[in-house]
């Protein structure tokens, strides 16, 4: 009974699968763009770039 609201929220999010997937993909793209320059410098610094 205590978990009913959480369960309902979970089921609602899972029903919106494509919207949730789009949000996750957008976040991943944004994170990738922000971290790419740093990772490139690190790779160059340790000789694997």
PDB file of N, CA and C in Angstrom:
ATOM      1  N   UNK A   1       0.820  -1.195   0.000  1.00  0.00           N
ATOM      2  CA  UNK A   1       0.000   0.000   0.000  1.00  0.00           C
ATOM      3  C   UNK A   1       0.865   1.261   0.000  1.00  0.00           C
ATOM      4  N   UNK A   2       1.959   1.222   0.755  1.00  0.00           N
ATOM      5  CA  UNK A   2       2.840   2.393   0.813  1.00  0.00           C
ATOM      6  C   UNK A   2       3.512   2.668  -0.522  1.00  0.00           C
ATOM      7  N   UNK A   3       3.714   1.607  -1.286  1.00  0.00           N
ATOM      8  CA  UNK A   3       4.452   1.743  -2.534  1.00  0.00           C
ATOM      9  C   UNK A   3       3.556   2.003  -3.735  1.00  0.00           C
ATOM     10  N   UNK A   4       2.270   2.051  -3.534  1.00  0.00           N
ATOM     11  CA  UNK A   4       1.342   2.241  -4.645  1.00  0.00           C
ATOM     12  C   UNK A   4       1.639   3.513  -5.442  1.00  0.00           C
ATOM     13  N   UNK A   5       1.852   4.670  -4.813  1.00  0.00           N
ATOM     14  CA  UNK A   5       2.148   5.875  -5.608  1.00  0.00           C
ATOM     15  C   UNK A   5       3.450   5.745  -6.406  1.00  0.00           C
ATOM     16  N   UNK A   6       4.453   5.122  -5.814  1.00  0.00           N
ATOM     17  CA  UNK A   6       5.713   4.929  -6.535  1.00  0.00           C
ATOM     18  C   UNK A   6       5.519   3.995  -7.714  1.00  0.00           C
ATOM     19  N   UNK A   7       4.759   2.938  -7.483  1.00  0.00           N
ATOM     20  CA  UNK A   7       4.495   1.970  -8.540  1.00  0.00           C
ATOM     21  C   UNK A   7       3.748   2.628  -9.691  1.00  0.00           C
ATOM     22  N   UNK A   8       2.759   3.446  -9.364  1.00  0.00           N
ATOM     23  CA  UNK A   8       1.989   4.141 -10.396  1.00  0.00           C
ATOM     24  C   UNK A   8       2.878   5.087 -11.192  1.00  0.00           C
ATOM     25  N   UNK A   9       3.761   5.795 -10.512  1.00  0.00           N
ATOM     26  CA  UNK A   9       4.678   6.719 -11.201  1.00  0.00           C
ATOM     27  C   UNK A   9       5.619   5.946 -12.119  1.00  0.00           C
ATOM     28  N   UNK A  10       6.141   4.829 -11.625  1.00  0.00           N
ATOM     29  CA  UNK A  10       7.026   3.979 -12.421  1.00  0.00           C
ATOM     30  C   UNK A  10       6.298   3.488 -13.675  1.00  0.00           C
ATOM     31  N   UNK A  11       5.090   2.994 -13.491  1.00  0.00           N
ATOM     32  CA  UNK A  11       4.329   2.484 -14.632  1.00  0.00           C
ATOM     33  C   UNK A  11       4.020   3.586 -15.636  1.00  0.00           C
ATOM     34  N   UNK A  12       3.738   4.786 -15.163  1.00  0.00           N
ATOM     35  CA  UNK A  12       3.480   5.911 -16.064  1.00  0.00           C
ATOM     36  C   UNK A  12       4.728   6.256 -16.870  1.00  0.00           C
ATOM     37  N   UNK A  13       5.881   6.261 -16.212  1.00  0.00           N
ATOM     38  CA  UNK A  13       7.130   6.555 -16.925  1.00  0.00           C
ATOM     39  C   UNK A  13       7.462   5.469 -17.939  1.00  0.00           C
ATOM     40  N   UNK A  14       7.248   4.229 -17.576  1.00  0.00           N
ATOM     41  CA  UNK A  14       7.540   3.128 -18.485  1.00  0.00           C
ATOM     42  C   UNK A  14       6.582   3.123 -19.674  1.00  0.00           C
ATOM     43  N   UNK A  15       5.359   3.579 -19.478  1.00  0.00           N
ATOM     44  CA  UNK A  15       4.389   3.648 -20.565  1.00  0.00           C
ATOM     45  C   UNK A  15       4.798   4.709 -21.582  1.00  0.00           C
ATOM     46  N   UNK A  16       5.541   5.707 -21.134  1.00  0.00           N
ATOM     47  CA  UNK A  16       6.014   6.779 -22.013  1.00  0.00           C
ATOM     48  C   UNK A  16       7.412   6.455 -22.513  1.00  0.00           C
ATOM     49  N   UNK A  17       7.671   5.203 -22.787  1.00  0.00           N
ATOM     50  CA  UNK A  17       9.005   4.733 -23.114  1.00  0.00           C
ATOM     51  C   UNK A  17       9.770   5.590 -24.097  1.00  0.00           C
ATOM     52  N   UNK A  18       9.162   5.921 -25.218  1.00  0.00           N
ATOM     53  CA  UNK A  18       9.921   6.655 -26.227  1.00  0.00           C
ATOM     54  C   UNK A  18      10.280   8.060 -25.752  1.00  0.00           C
ATOM     55  N   UNK A  19       9.397   8.702 -25.012  1.00  0.00           N
ATOM     56  CA  UNK A  19       9.706  10.040 -24.492  1.00  0.00           C
ATOM     57  C   UNK A  19      10.856   9.971 -23.494  1.00  0.00           C
ATOM     58  N   UNK A  20      10.817   8.979 -22.629  1.00  0.00           N
ATOM     59  CA  UNK A  20      11.881   8.796 -21.651  1.00  0.00           C
ATOM     60  C   UNK A  20      13.195   8.470 -22.350  1.00  0.00           C
ATOM     61  N   UNK A  21      13.138   7.603 -23.358  1.00  0.00           N
ATOM     62  CA  UNK A  21      14.342   7.267 -24.118  1.00  0.00           C
ATOM     63  C   UNK A  21      14.925   8.495 -24.806  1.00  0.00           C
ATOM     64  N   UNK A  22      14.051   9.346 -25.339  1.00  0.00           N
ATOM     65  CA  UNK A  22      14.512  10.575 -25.993  1.00  0.00           C
ATOM     66  C   UNK A  22      15.218  11.496 -25.001  1.00  0.00           C
ATOM     67  N   UNK A  23      14.653  11.624 -23.805  1.00  0.00           N
ATOM     68  CA  UNK A  23      15.279  12.465 -22.779  1.00  0.00           C
ATOM     69  C   UNK A  23      16.641  11.913 -22.372  1.00  0.00           C
ATOM     70  N   UNK A  24      16.717  10.599 -22.212  1.00  0.00           N
ATOM     71  CA  UNK A  24      17.991   9.984 -21.838  1.00  0.00           C
ATOM     72  C   UNK A  24      19.030  10.150 -22.946  1.00  0.00           C
ATOM     73  N   UNK A  25      18.620   9.979 -24.185  1.00  0.00           N
ATOM     74  CA  UNK A  25      19.542  10.137 -25.307  1.00  0.00           C
ATOM     75  C   UNK A  25      20.033  11.579 -25.405  1.00  0.00           C
ATOM     76  N   UNK A  26      19.137  12.525 -25.198  1.00  0.00           N
ATOM     77  CA  UNK A  26      19.525  13.940 -25.235  1.00  0.00           C
ATOM     78  C   UNK A  26      20.546  14.244 -24.139  1.00  0.00           C
ATOM     79  N   UNK A  27      20.300  13.732 -22.942  1.00  0.00           N
ATOM     80  CA  UNK A  27      21.239  13.937 -21.834  1.00  0.00           C
ATOM     81  C   UNK A  27      22.593  13.318 -22.119  1.00  0.00           C
ATOM     82  N   UNK A  28      22.592  12.134 -22.719  1.00  0.00           N
ATOM     83  CA  UNK A  28      23.849  11.464 -23.051  1.00  0.00           C
ATOM     84  C   UNK A  28      24.622  12.258 -24.098  1.00  0.00           C
ATOM     85  N   UNK A  29      23.927  12.774 -25.100  1.00  0.00           N
ATOM     86  CA  UNK A  29      24.586  13.591 -26.125  1.00  0.00           C
ATOM     87  C   UNK A  29      25.195  14.847 -25.515  1.00  0.00           C
ATOM     88  N   UNK A  30      24.451  15.481 -24.639  1.00  0.00           N
ATOM     89  CA  UNK A  30      24.937  16.697 -23.985  1.00  0.00           C
ATOM     90  C   UNK A  30      26.181  16.395 -23.149  1.00  0.00           C
ATOM     91  N   UNK A  31      26.141  15.315 -22.392  1.00  0.00           N
ATOM     92  CA  UNK A  31      27.287  14.934 -21.564  1.00  0.00           C
ATOM     93  C   UNK A  31      28.493  14.595 -22.431  1.00  0.00           C
ATOM     94  N   UNK A  32      28.256  13.898 -23.527  1.00  0.00           N
ATOM     95  CA  UNK A  32      29.342  13.524 -24.434  1.00  0.00           C
ATOM     96  C   UNK A  32      30.024  14.764 -25.007  1.00  0.00           C
ATOM     97  N   UNK A  33      29.233  15.751 -25.405  1.00  0.00           N
ATOM     98  CA  UNK A  33      29.791  16.983 -25.971  1.00  0.00           C
ATOM     99  C   UNK A  33      30.622  17.748 -24.947  1.00  0.00           C
ATOM    100  N   UNK A  34      30.181  17.721 -23.694  1.00  0.00           N
ATOM    101  CA  UNK A  34      30.896  18.458 -22.659  1.00  0.00           C
ATOM    102  C   UNK A  34      32.178  17.755 -22.237  1.00  0.00           C
ATOM    103  N   UNK A  35      32.212  16.446 -22.277  1.00  0.00           N
ATOM    104  CA  UNK A  35      33.382  15.715 -21.786  1.00  0.00           C
ATOM    105  C   UNK A  35      34.385  15.379 -22.877  1.00  0.00           C
ATOM    106  N   UNK A  36      33.994  15.446 -24.121  1.00  0.00           N
ATOM    107  CA  UNK A  36      34.869  15.046 -25.225  1.00  0.00           C
ATOM    108  C   UNK A  36      36.220  15.772 -25.231  1.00  0.00           C
ATOM    109  N   UNK A  37      36.245  17.113 -25.112  1.00  0.00           N
ATOM    110  CA  UNK A  37      37.541  17.810 -25.141  1.00  0.00           C
ATOM    111  C   UNK A  37      38.478  17.359 -24.017  1.00  0.00           C
ATOM    112  N   UNK A  38      37.952  17.180 -22.835  1.00  0.00           N
ATOM    113  CA  UNK A  38      38.779  16.737 -21.713  1.00  0.00           C
ATOM    114  C   UNK A  38      39.312  15.326 -21.952  1.00  0.00           C
ATOM    115  N   UNK A  39      38.461  14.430 -22.405  1.00  0.00           N
ATOM    116  CA  UNK A  39      38.912  13.061 -22.657  1.00  0.00           C
ATOM    117  C   UNK A  39      39.961  13.014 -23.766  1.00  0.00           C
ATOM    118  N   UNK A  40      39.805  13.853 -24.779  1.00  0.00           N
ATOM    119  CA  UNK A  40      40.816  13.918 -25.843  1.00  0.00           C
ATOM    120  C   UNK A  40      42.165  14.368 -25.282  1.00  0.00           C
ATOM    121  N   UNK A  41      42.143  15.378 -24.404  1.00  0.00           N
ATOM    122  CA  UNK A  41      43.399  15.850 -23.798  1.00  0.00           C
ATOM    123  C   UNK A  41      44.027  14.781 -22.916  1.00  0.00           C
ATOM    124  N   UNK A  42      43.206  14.069 -22.161  1.00  0.00           N
ATOM    125  CA  UNK A  42      43.721  13.001 -21.297  1.00  0.00           C
ATOM    126  C   UNK A  42      44.346  11.904 -22.145  1.00  0.00           C
ATOM    127  N   UNK A  43      43.666  11.507 -23.211  1.00  0.00           N
ATOM    128  CA  UNK A  43      44.214  10.466 -24.093  1.00  0.00           C
ATOM    129  C   UNK A  43      45.551  10.902 -24.687  1.00  0.00           C
ATOM    130  N   UNK A  44      45.623  12.144 -25.132  1.00  0.00           N
ATOM    131  CA  UNK A  44      46.879  12.657 -25.682  1.00  0.00           C
ATOM    132  C   UNK A  44      47.975  12.671 -24.616  1.00  0.00           C
ATOM    133  N   UNK A  45      47.628  13.064 -23.406  1.00  0.00           N
ATOM    134  CA  UNK A  45      48.614  13.165 -22.329  1.00  0.00           C
ATOM    135  C   UNK A  45      49.194  11.812 -21.948  1.00  0.00           C
ATOM    136  N   UNK A  46      48.378  10.766 -22.035  1.00  0.00           N
ATOM    137  CA  UNK A  46      48.899   9.447 -21.649  1.00  0.00           C
ATOM    138  C   UNK A  46      49.321   8.616 -22.851  1.00  0.00           C
ATOM    139  N   UNK A  47      49.224   9.219 -24.035  1.00  0.00           N
ATOM    140  CA  UNK A  47      49.757   8.578 -25.226  1.00  0.00           C
ATOM    141  C   UNK A  47      48.868   7.535 -25.873  1.00  0.00           C
ATOM    142  N   UNK A  48      47.574   7.610 -25.655  1.00  0.00           N
ATOM    143  CA  UNK A  48      46.697   6.652 -26.334  1.00  0.00           C
ATOM    144  C   UNK A  48      45.755   7.350 -27.313  1.00  0.00           C
ATOM    145  N   UNK A  49      45.989   8.620 -27.553  1.00  0.00           N
ATOM    146  CA  UNK A  49      45.104   9.387 -28.427  1.00  0.00           C
ATOM    147  C   UNK A  49      45.611   9.415 -29.775  1.00  0.00           C
TER     148      UNK A  49
END
